[in-house]
PDB file of all heavy atoms in Angstrom:
ATOM      1  N   THR A   1       1.508   4.296   7.623  1.00  0.00           N
ATOM      2  CA  THR A   1       2.801   3.751   7.207  1.00  0.00           C
ATOM      3  C   THR A   1       3.435   4.773   6.264  1.00  0.00           C
ATOM      4  O   THR A   1       2.870   5.101   5.218  1.00  0.00           O
ATOM      5  CB  THR A   1       2.617   2.407   6.472  1.00  0.00           C
ATOM      6  OG1 THR A   1       1.819   1.563   7.299  1.00  0.00           O
ATOM      7  CG2 THR A   1       3.957   1.757   6.195  1.00  0.00           C
ATOM      8  N   LEU A   2       4.592   5.281   6.675  1.00  0.00           N
ATOM      9  CA  LEU A   2       5.305   6.270   5.855  1.00  0.00           C
ATOM     10  C   LEU A   2       6.532   5.593   5.260  1.00  0.00           C
ATOM     11  O   LEU A   2       6.874   4.474   5.637  1.00  0.00           O
ATOM     12  CB  LEU A   2       5.741   7.461   6.724  1.00  0.00           C
ATOM     13  CG  LEU A   2       4.668   8.055   7.635  1.00  0.00           C
ATOM     14  CD1 LEU A   2       5.244   9.158   8.483  1.00  0.00           C
ATOM     15  CD2 LEU A   2       3.501   8.577   6.812  1.00  0.00           C
ATOM     16  N   ASN A   3       7.207   6.302   4.335  1.00  0.00           N
ATOM     17  CA  ASN A   3       8.443   5.706   3.816  1.00  0.00           C
ATOM     18  C   ASN A   3       9.484   5.760   4.936  1.00  0.00           C
ATOM     19  O   ASN A   3      10.099   6.782   5.185  1.00  0.00           O
ATOM     20  CB  ASN A   3       8.938   6.440   2.553  1.00  0.00           C
ATOM     21  CG  ASN A   3       8.877   7.954   2.694  1.00  0.00           C
ATOM     22  OD1 ASN A   3       8.329   8.481   3.655  1.00  0.00           O
ATOM     23  ND2 ASN A   3       9.458   8.672   1.752  1.00  0.00           N
ATOM     24  N   GLY A   4       9.599   4.646   5.633  1.00  0.00           N
ATOM     25  CA  GLY A   4      10.634   4.600   6.666  1.00  0.00           C
ATOM     26  C   GLY A   4      10.137   4.573   8.091  1.00  0.00           C
ATOM     27  O   GLY A   4      10.946   4.471   9.003  1.00  0.00           O
ATOM     28  N   ALA A   5       8.831   4.691   8.344  1.00  0.00           N
ATOM     29  CA  ALA A   5       8.367   4.692   9.743  1.00  0.00           C
ATOM     30  C   ALA A   5       6.870   4.470   9.796  1.00  0.00           C
ATOM     31  O   ALA A   5       6.158   4.594   8.798  1.00  0.00           O
ATOM     32  CB  ALA A   5       8.708   6.026  10.400  1.00  0.00           C
ATOM     33  N   GLU A   6       6.405   4.156  11.014  1.00  0.00           N
ATOM     34  CA  GLU A   6       4.963   4.102  11.260  1.00  0.00           C
ATOM     35  C   GLU A   6       4.625   5.107  12.348  1.00  0.00           C
ATOM     36  O   GLU A   6       5.404   5.285  13.286  1.00  0.00           O
ATOM     37  CB  GLU A   6       4.548   2.689  11.725  1.00  0.00           C
ATOM     38  CG  GLU A   6       4.350   1.718  10.582  1.00  0.00           C
ATOM     39  CD  GLU A   6       3.520   0.496  10.981  1.00  0.00           C
ATOM     40  OE1 GLU A   6       3.401   0.228  12.201  1.00  0.00           O
ATOM     41  OE2 GLU A   6       2.979  -0.169  10.088  1.00  0.00           O
ATOM     42  N   VAL A   7       3.495   5.781  12.193  1.00  0.00           N
ATOM     43  CA  VAL A   7       3.051   6.707  13.247  1.00  0.00           C
ATOM     44  C   VAL A   7       1.581   6.428  13.531  1.00  0.00           C
ATOM     45  O   VAL A   7       0.861   5.929  12.658  1.00  0.00           O
ATOM     46  CB  VAL A   7       3.228   8.201  12.850  1.00  0.00           C
ATOM     47  CG1 VAL A   7       4.680   8.563  12.662  1.00  0.00           C
ATOM     48  CG2 VAL A   7       2.428   8.551  11.609  1.00  0.00           C
ATOM     49  N   SER A   8       1.157   6.760  14.749  1.00  0.00           N
ATOM     50  CA  SER A   8      -0.265   6.581  15.053  1.00  0.00           C
ATOM     51  C   SER A   8      -0.856   7.928  15.438  1.00  0.00           C
ATOM     52  O   SER A   8      -0.149   8.825  15.910  1.00  0.00           O
ATOM     53  CB  SER A   8      -0.439   5.566  16.183  1.00  0.00           C
ATOM     54  OG  SER A   8      -0.083   6.154  17.411  1.00  0.00           O
ATOM     55  N   ALA A   9      -2.150   8.059  15.199  1.00  0.00           N
ATOM     56  CA  ALA A   9      -2.832   9.324  15.518  1.00  0.00           C
ATOM     57  C   ALA A   9      -4.293   9.049  15.809  1.00  0.00           C
ATOM     58  O   ALA A   9      -4.877   8.096  15.293  1.00  0.00           O
ATOM     59  CB  ALA A   9      -2.718  10.285  14.341  1.00  0.00           C
ATOM     60  N   ARG A  10      -4.858   9.931  16.608  1.00  0.00           N
ATOM     61  CA  ARG A  10      -6.284   9.812  16.918  1.00  0.00           C
ATOM     62  C   ARG A  10      -7.112  10.268  15.708  1.00  0.00           C
ATOM     63  O   ARG A  10      -8.175   9.726  15.431  1.00  0.00           O
ATOM     64  CB  ARG A  10      -6.557  10.710  18.128  1.00  0.00           C
ATOM     65  CG  ARG A  10      -7.921  10.533  18.732  1.00  0.00           C
ATOM     66  CD  ARG A  10      -7.929  11.172  20.108  1.00  0.00           C
ATOM     67  NE  ARG A  10      -9.283  11.427  20.570  1.00  0.00           N
ATOM     68  CZ  ARG A  10      -9.549  11.915  21.764  1.00  0.00           C
ATOM     69  NH1 ARG A  10      -8.568  12.222  22.597  1.00  0.00           N
ATOM     70  NH2 ARG A  10     -10.792  12.115  22.148  1.00  0.00           N
ATOM     71  N   SER A  11      -6.573  11.285  14.983  1.00  0.00           N
ATOM     72  CA  SER A  11      -7.294  11.827  13.826  1.00  0.00           C
ATOM     73  C   SER A  11      -6.359  12.012  12.642  1.00  0.00           C
ATOM     74  O   SER A  11      -5.164  12.279  12.820  1.00  0.00           O
ATOM     75  CB  SER A  11      -7.900  13.193  14.159  1.00  0.00           C
ATOM     76  OG  SER A  11      -8.701  13.103  15.314  1.00  0.00           O
ATOM     77  N   VAL A  12      -6.941  11.904  11.446  1.00  0.00           N
ATOM     78  CA  VAL A  12      -6.194  12.154  10.205  1.00  0.00           C
ATOM     79  C   VAL A  12      -6.935  13.218   9.413  1.00  0.00           C
ATOM     80  O   VAL A  12      -8.155  13.132   9.227  1.00  0.00           O
ATOM     81  CB  VAL A  12      -6.065  10.862   9.359  1.00  0.00           C
ATOM     82  CG1 VAL A  12      -5.470  11.167   7.985  1.00  0.00           C
ATOM     83  CG2 VAL A  12      -5.201   9.839  10.088  1.00  0.00           C
ATOM     84  N   VAL A  13      -6.191  14.237   8.982  1.00  0.00           N
ATOM     85  CA  VAL A  13      -6.770  15.301   8.148  1.00  0.00           C
ATOM     86  C   VAL A  13      -6.161  15.187   6.757  1.00  0.00           C
ATOM     87  O   VAL A  13      -4.940  15.261   6.594  1.00  0.00           O
ATOM     88  CB  VAL A  13      -6.471  16.700   8.733  1.00  0.00           C
ATOM     89  CG1 VAL A  13      -7.035  17.792   7.818  1.00  0.00           C
ATOM     90  CG2 VAL A  13      -7.037  16.823  10.145  1.00  0.00           C
ATOM     91  N   VAL A  14      -7.020  15.018   5.751  1.00  0.00           N
ATOM     92  CA  VAL A  14      -6.549  14.894   4.369  1.00  0.00           C
ATOM     93  C   VAL A  14      -6.653  16.274   3.716  1.00  0.00           C
ATOM     94  O   VAL A  14      -7.744  16.803   3.508  1.00  0.00           O
ATOM     95  CB  VAL A  14      -7.369  13.851   3.589  1.00  0.00           C
ATOM     96  CG1 VAL A  14      -6.821  13.701   2.176  1.00  0.00           C
ATOM     97  CG2 VAL A  14      -7.345  12.514   4.327  1.00  0.00           C
ATOM     98  N   ALA A  15      -5.489  16.844   3.418  1.00  0.00           N
ATOM     99  CA  ALA A  15      -5.427  18.174   2.797  1.00  0.00           C
ATOM    100  C   ALA A  15      -4.471  18.088   1.613  1.00  0.00           C
ATOM    101  O   ALA A  15      -3.605  18.930   1.413  1.00  0.00           O
ATOM    102  CB  ALA A  15      -4.935  19.203   3.816  1.00  0.00           C
ATOM    103  N   SER A  16      -4.672  17.017   0.830  1.00  0.00           N
ATOM    104  CA  SER A  16      -3.678  16.686  -0.207  1.00  0.00           C
ATOM    105  C   SER A  16      -3.979  17.333  -1.554  1.00  0.00           C
ATOM    106  O   SER A  16      -3.302  17.059  -2.541  1.00  0.00           O
ATOM    107  CB  SER A  16      -3.599  15.165  -0.359  1.00  0.00           C
ATOM    108  OG  SER A  16      -4.897  14.646  -0.582  1.00  0.00           O
ATOM    109  N   GLY A  17      -5.014  18.192  -1.605  1.00  0.00           N
ATOM    110  CA  GLY A  17      -5.270  18.942  -2.835  1.00  0.00           C
ATOM    111  C   GLY A  17      -5.899  18.103  -3.931  1.00  0.00           C
ATOM    112  O   GLY A  17      -6.313  16.956  -3.719  1.00  0.00           O
ATOM    113  N   GLY A  18      -5.983  18.710  -5.128  1.00  0.00           N
ATOM    114  CA  GLY A  18      -6.592  18.045  -6.274  1.00  0.00           C
ATOM    115  C   GLY A  18      -5.539  17.559  -7.256  1.00  0.00           C
ATOM    116  O   GLY A  18      -4.407  17.250  -6.879  1.00  0.00           O
ATOM    117  N   LEU A  19      -5.929  17.531  -8.532  1.00  0.00           N
ATOM    118  CA  LEU A  19      -5.033  17.012  -9.577  1.00  0.00           C
ATOM    119  C   LEU A  19      -4.362  18.129 -10.365  1.00  0.00           C
ATOM    120  O   LEU A  19      -3.579  17.863 -11.269  1.00  0.00           O
ATOM    121  CB  LEU A  19      -5.851  16.136 -10.547  1.00  0.00           C
ATOM    122  CG  LEU A  19      -6.530  14.920  -9.903  1.00  0.00           C
ATOM    123  CD1 LEU A  19      -7.471  14.254 -10.895  1.00  0.00           C
ATOM    124  CD2 LEU A  19      -5.493  13.928  -9.400  1.00  0.00           C
ATOM    125  N   SER A  20      -4.671  19.395 -10.023  1.00  0.00           N
ATOM    126  CA  SER A  20      -4.124  20.519 -10.779  1.00  0.00           C
ATOM    127  C   SER A  20      -2.628  20.660 -10.539  1.00  0.00           C
ATOM    128  O   SER A  20      -2.160  20.515  -9.414  1.00  0.00           O
ATOM    129  CB  SER A  20      -4.804  21.819 -10.349  1.00  0.00           C
ATOM    130  OG  SER A  20      -6.147  21.571 -10.071  1.00  0.00           O
ATOM    131  N   MET A  21      -1.920  20.970 -11.605  1.00  0.00           N
ATOM    132  CA  MET A  21      -0.472  21.217 -11.554  1.00  0.00           C
ATOM    133  C   MET A  21       0.319  20.016 -11.029  1.00  0.00           C
ATOM    134  O   MET A  21       0.934  20.086  -9.961  1.00  0.00           O
ATOM    135  CB  MET A  21      -0.158  22.466 -10.728  1.00  0.00           C
ATOM    136  CG  MET A  21      -0.951  23.654 -11.225  1.00  0.00           C
ATOM    137  SD  MET A  21      -0.236  25.207 -10.753  1.00  0.00           S
ATOM    138  CE  MET A  21      -1.327  26.324 -11.619  1.00  0.00           C
ATOM    139  N   PRO A  22       0.317  18.922 -11.785  1.00  0.00           N
ATOM    140  CA  PRO A  22       1.064  17.736 -11.352  1.00  0.00           C
ATOM    141  C   PRO A  22       2.557  18.008 -11.167  1.00  0.00           C
ATOM    142  O   PRO A  22       3.211  17.341 -10.376  1.00  0.00           O
ATOM    143  CB  PRO A  22       0.820  16.725 -12.484  1.00  0.00           C
ATOM    144  CG  PRO A  22       0.263  17.509 -13.623  1.00  0.00           C
ATOM    145  CD  PRO A  22      -0.401  18.709 -13.048  1.00  0.00           C
ATOM    146  N   GLY A  23       3.052  19.036 -11.856  1.00  0.00           N
ATOM    147  CA  GLY A  23       4.466  19.406 -11.704  1.00  0.00           C
ATOM    148  C   GLY A  23       4.802  19.856 -10.296  1.00  0.00           C
ATOM    149  O   GLY A  23       5.966  19.869  -9.884  1.00  0.00           O
ATOM    150  N   LEU A  24       3.759  20.230  -9.513  1.00  0.00           N
ATOM    151  CA  LEU A  24       3.977  20.664  -8.128  1.00  0.00           C
ATOM    152  C   LEU A  24       3.574  19.560  -7.148  1.00  0.00           C
ATOM    153  O   LEU A  24       3.301  19.823  -5.984  1.00  0.00           O
ATOM    154  CB  LEU A  24       3.182  21.943  -7.843  1.00  0.00           C
ATOM    155  CG  LEU A  24       3.617  23.173  -8.642  1.00  0.00           C
ATOM    156  CD1 LEU A  24       2.704  24.344  -8.360  1.00  0.00           C
ATOM    157  CD2 LEU A  24       5.055  23.549  -8.317  1.00  0.00           C
ATOM    158  N   GLY A  25       3.514  18.328  -7.650  1.00  0.00           N
ATOM    159  CA  GLY A  25       3.277  17.196  -6.745  1.00  0.00           C
ATOM    160  C   GLY A  25       1.826  16.798  -6.571  1.00  0.00           C
ATOM    161  O   GLY A  25       1.506  16.003  -5.693  1.00  0.00           O
ATOM    162  N   ALA A  26       0.919  17.335  -7.406  1.00  0.00           N
ATOM    163  CA  ALA A  26      -0.499  16.963  -7.284  1.00  0.00           C
ATOM    164  C   ALA A  26      -0.671  15.472  -7.563  1.00  0.00           C
ATOM    165  O   ALA A  26      -0.003  14.913  -8.432  1.00  0.00           O
ATOM    166  CB  ALA A  26      -1.337  17.773  -8.274  1.00  0.00           C
ATOM    167  N   SER A  27      -1.584  14.840  -6.808  1.00  0.00           N
ATOM    168  CA  SER A  27      -1.817  13.405  -7.013  1.00  0.00           C
ATOM    169  C   SER A  27      -3.228  13.056  -6.557  1.00  0.00           C
ATOM    170  O   SER A  27      -3.847  13.806  -5.803  1.00  0.00           O
ATOM    171  CB  SER A  27      -0.812  12.586  -6.210  1.00  0.00           C
ATOM    172  OG  SER A  27      -1.268  12.455  -4.871  1.00  0.00           O
ATOM    173  N   PRO A  28      -3.735  11.884  -6.981  1.00  0.00           N
ATOM    174  CA  PRO A  28      -5.083  11.486  -6.567  1.00  0.00           C
ATOM    175  C   PRO A  28      -5.131  10.864  -5.168  1.00  0.00           C
ATOM    176  O   PRO A  28      -6.134  10.258  -4.793  1.00  0.00           O
ATOM    177  CB  PRO A  28      -5.486  10.459  -7.634  1.00  0.00           C
ATOM    178  CG  PRO A  28      -4.201   9.889  -8.115  1.00  0.00           C
ATOM    179  CD  PRO A  28      -3.161  10.958  -7.965  1.00  0.00           C
ATOM    180  N   PHE A  29      -4.079  11.035  -4.375  1.00  0.00           N
ATOM    181  CA  PHE A  29      -3.973  10.387  -3.064  1.00  0.00           C
ATOM    182  C   PHE A  29      -5.247  10.557  -2.218  1.00  0.00           C
ATOM    183  O   PHE A  29      -5.790   9.598  -1.676  1.00  0.00           O
ATOM    184  CB  PHE A  29      -2.760  10.944  -2.294  1.00  0.00           C
ATOM    185  CG  PHE A  29      -2.685  10.433  -0.876  1.00  0.00           C
ATOM    186  CD1 PHE A  29      -2.041   9.234  -0.601  1.00  0.00           C
ATOM    187  CD2 PHE A  29      -3.285  11.116   0.179  1.00  0.00           C
ATOM    188  CE1 PHE A  29      -1.997   8.727   0.697  1.00  0.00           C
ATOM    189  CE2 PHE A  29      -3.244  10.621   1.483  1.00  0.00           C
ATOM    190  CZ  PHE A  29      -2.595   9.422   1.731  1.00  0.00           C
ATOM    191  N   GLY A  30      -5.712  11.797  -2.084  1.00  0.00           N
ATOM    192  CA  GLY A  30      -6.864  12.086  -1.223  1.00  0.00           C
ATOM    193  C   GLY A  30      -8.125  11.385  -1.682  1.00  0.00           C
ATOM    194  O   GLY A  30      -8.925  10.903  -0.871  1.00  0.00           O
ATOM    195  N   TYR A  31      -8.319  11.320  -3.009  1.00  0.00           N
ATOM    196  CA  TYR A  31      -9.508  10.651  -3.546  1.00  0.00           C
ATOM    197  C   TYR A  31      -9.451   9.148  -3.258  1.00  0.00           C
ATOM    198  O   TYR A  31     -10.446   8.524  -2.905  1.00  0.00           O
ATOM    199  CB  TYR A  31      -9.622  10.881  -5.055  1.00  0.00           C
ATOM    200  CG  TYR A  31      -9.541  12.336  -5.478  1.00  0.00           C
ATOM    201  CD1 TYR A  31      -8.750  12.741  -6.553  1.00  0.00           C
ATOM    202  CD2 TYR A  31     -10.260  13.323  -4.797  1.00  0.00           C
ATOM    203  CE1 TYR A  31      -8.677  14.074  -6.943  1.00  0.00           C
ATOM    204  CE2 TYR A  31     -10.195  14.653  -5.179  1.00  0.00           C
ATOM    205  CZ  TYR A  31      -9.392  15.025  -6.250  1.00  0.00           C
ATOM    206  OH  TYR A  31      -9.312  16.342  -6.632  1.00  0.00           O
ATOM    207  N   LYS A  32      -8.253   8.578  -3.420  1.00  0.00           N
ATOM    208  CA  LYS A  32      -8.088   7.133  -3.186  1.00  0.00           C
ATOM    209  C   LYS A  32      -8.330   6.791  -1.711  1.00  0.00           C
ATOM    210  O   LYS A  32      -8.953   5.785  -1.384  1.00  0.00           O
ATOM    211  CB  LYS A  32      -6.685   6.684  -3.618  1.00  0.00           C
ATOM    212  CG  LYS A  32      -6.539   6.656  -5.140  1.00  0.00           C
ATOM    213  CD  LYS A  32      -5.184   6.174  -5.577  1.00  0.00           C
ATOM    214  CE  LYS A  32      -5.125   6.020  -7.096  1.00  0.00           C
ATOM    215  NZ  LYS A  32      -3.743   5.939  -7.588  1.00  0.00           N
ATOM    216  N   LEU A  33      -7.848   7.670  -0.833  1.00  0.00           N
ATOM    217  CA  LEU A  33      -8.035   7.441   0.606  1.00  0.00           C
ATOM    218  C   LEU A  33      -9.531   7.522   0.961  1.00  0.00           C
ATOM    219  O   LEU A  33     -10.040   6.707   1.731  1.00  0.00           O
ATOM    220  CB  LEU A  33      -7.234   8.463   1.415  1.00  0.00           C
ATOM    221  CG  LEU A  33      -7.079   8.128   2.901  1.00  0.00           C
ATOM    222  CD1 LEU A  33      -6.273   6.852   3.092  1.00  0.00           C
ATOM    223  CD2 LEU A  33      -6.394   9.272   3.641  1.00  0.00           C
ATOM    224  N   ALA A  34     -10.210   8.516   0.374  1.00  0.00           N
ATOM    225  CA  ALA A  34     -11.652   8.659   0.622  1.00  0.00           C
ATOM    226  C   ALA A  34     -12.379   7.381   0.190  1.00  0.00           C
ATOM    227  O   ALA A  34     -13.216   6.843   0.931  1.00  0.00           O
ATOM    228  CB  ALA A  34     -12.197   9.864  -0.148  1.00  0.00           C
TER     229      ALA A  34
END
């Protein structure tokens, strides 16, 4: 579920990075998904 749409996929790759440099959009998203 994205902001504004739903998409489906056979596989999901989480490459959302770590928490370094929050000014560049870093977030705990990947950890929460795991």
